Protein backbone atom coordinates (compact mmCIF):
# COMPACT_ATOMS: atom_id res chain seq x y z
CA MET A 1 19.12 -6.23 18.93
CA ASP A 2 17.10 -7.53 21.81
CA SER A 3 15.18 -4.39 22.73
CA GLU A 4 11.42 -4.23 22.47
CA LEU A 5 11.59 -1.14 20.27
CA TYR A 6 14.04 -2.74 17.80
CA LYS A 7 11.94 -5.89 17.72
CA LYS A 8 8.82 -3.84 16.84
CA ALA A 9 10.66 -2.01 14.07
CA GLU A 10 12.00 -5.33 12.66
CA GLN A 11 8.54 -6.92 12.73
CA PHE A 12 7.12 -3.85 10.95
CA ILE A 13 9.70 -4.36 8.14
CA ILE A 14 8.85 -8.05 7.95
CA ASP A 15 5.13 -7.42 7.86
CA SER A 16 5.45 -4.57 5.30
CA PHE A 17 7.43 -6.64 2.79
CA THR A 18 5.40 -9.81 3.39
CA LYS A 19 2.24 -7.85 2.69
CA ILE A 20 3.43 -6.85 -0.81
CA GLY A 21 4.92 -10.22 -1.59
CA GLU A 22 8.58 -9.14 -1.46
CA ILE A 23 9.82 -11.40 1.22
CA GLY A 24 13.20 -11.66 -0.56
CA GLN A 25 13.81 -8.00 0.40
CA ILE A 26 13.64 -8.80 4.15
CA LYS A 27 17.04 -10.46 4.25
CA HIS A 28 18.65 -7.18 3.02
CA PHE A 29 17.26 -5.20 5.93
CA LEU A 30 18.09 -7.84 8.55
CA ARG A 31 21.68 -8.15 7.26
CA THR A 32 22.16 -4.34 7.39
CA ALA A 33 21.14 -4.32 11.02
CA TYR A 34 23.35 -7.37 11.65
CA TRP A 35 26.40 -5.67 10.12
CA MET A 36 25.73 -2.40 11.97
CA LYS A 37 25.94 -4.28 15.17
CA GLU A 38 29.03 -6.21 14.03
CA LEU A 39 30.82 -3.02 12.99
CA GLU A 40 29.62 -0.95 16.00
CA PRO A 41 28.90 -3.23 18.95
CA SER A 42 27.77 -0.19 21.00
CA ALA A 43 25.16 0.80 18.45
CA ASP A 44 21.98 2.02 20.21
CA ASP A 45 18.33 1.35 19.24
CA ALA A 46 18.13 4.49 17.06
CA LEU A 47 21.08 3.36 14.93
CA LEU A 48 19.86 -0.19 14.60
CA ILE A 49 16.35 0.89 13.78
CA ALA A 50 17.74 3.23 11.14
CA ALA A 51 19.72 0.38 9.70
CA VAL A 52 16.87 -2.15 9.60
CA SER A 53 14.39 0.42 8.16
CA HIS A 54 16.74 2.35 5.74
CA ASP A 55 14.77 1.39 2.55
CA ILE A 56 11.28 1.25 3.95
CA GLU A 57 9.90 3.32 1.04
CA ARG A 58 10.28 0.21 -1.12
CA ALA A 59 7.31 -1.30 0.68
CA ASN A 60 5.11 1.55 -0.39
CA ARG A 61 5.95 1.65 -4.10
CA GLN A 62 3.85 0.07 -6.76
CA LYS A 63 5.53 -3.11 -8.01
CA ASP A 64 5.93 -1.88 -11.52
CA ALA A 65 7.64 1.34 -10.31
CA PHE A 66 9.96 -0.69 -8.13
CA LYS A 67 11.14 -2.75 -11.08
CA LYS A 68 11.47 0.27 -13.35
CA ILE A 69 13.57 2.13 -10.83
CA HIS A 70 15.95 -0.78 -10.32
CA GLN A 71 16.41 -1.08 -14.09
CA LEU A 72 17.59 2.54 -14.10
CA GLY A 73 20.35 1.88 -11.59
CA TYR A 74 21.10 2.96 -8.14
CA THR A 75 22.91 6.16 -9.25
CA ASN A 76 20.14 7.37 -11.59
CA PRO A 77 18.68 10.70 -10.43
CA ASP A 78 15.16 9.36 -10.73
CA PHE A 79 15.94 6.47 -8.44
CA LEU A 80 17.76 8.76 -6.01
CA ARG A 81 14.86 11.18 -5.92
CA LEU A 82 12.35 8.43 -5.04
CA HIS A 83 14.76 6.92 -2.55
């Protein structure tokens, strides 16, 4: 996870969630990329960037919508549609 492209994607995630005050979310993204590399040591930049940015839409939701969707649960059709 040392490539410049990956570092830029990771920084974009960090900046996006810091901007909306959801820094607690950042760990989730970084751990996903970490585990991708652990499970698939030959994972290329595309796969690692997909892992670290897999829930980026969360940074673009209004805070109230984010909380409401999570109350519905991850298998709720409304959550899945937005996701």
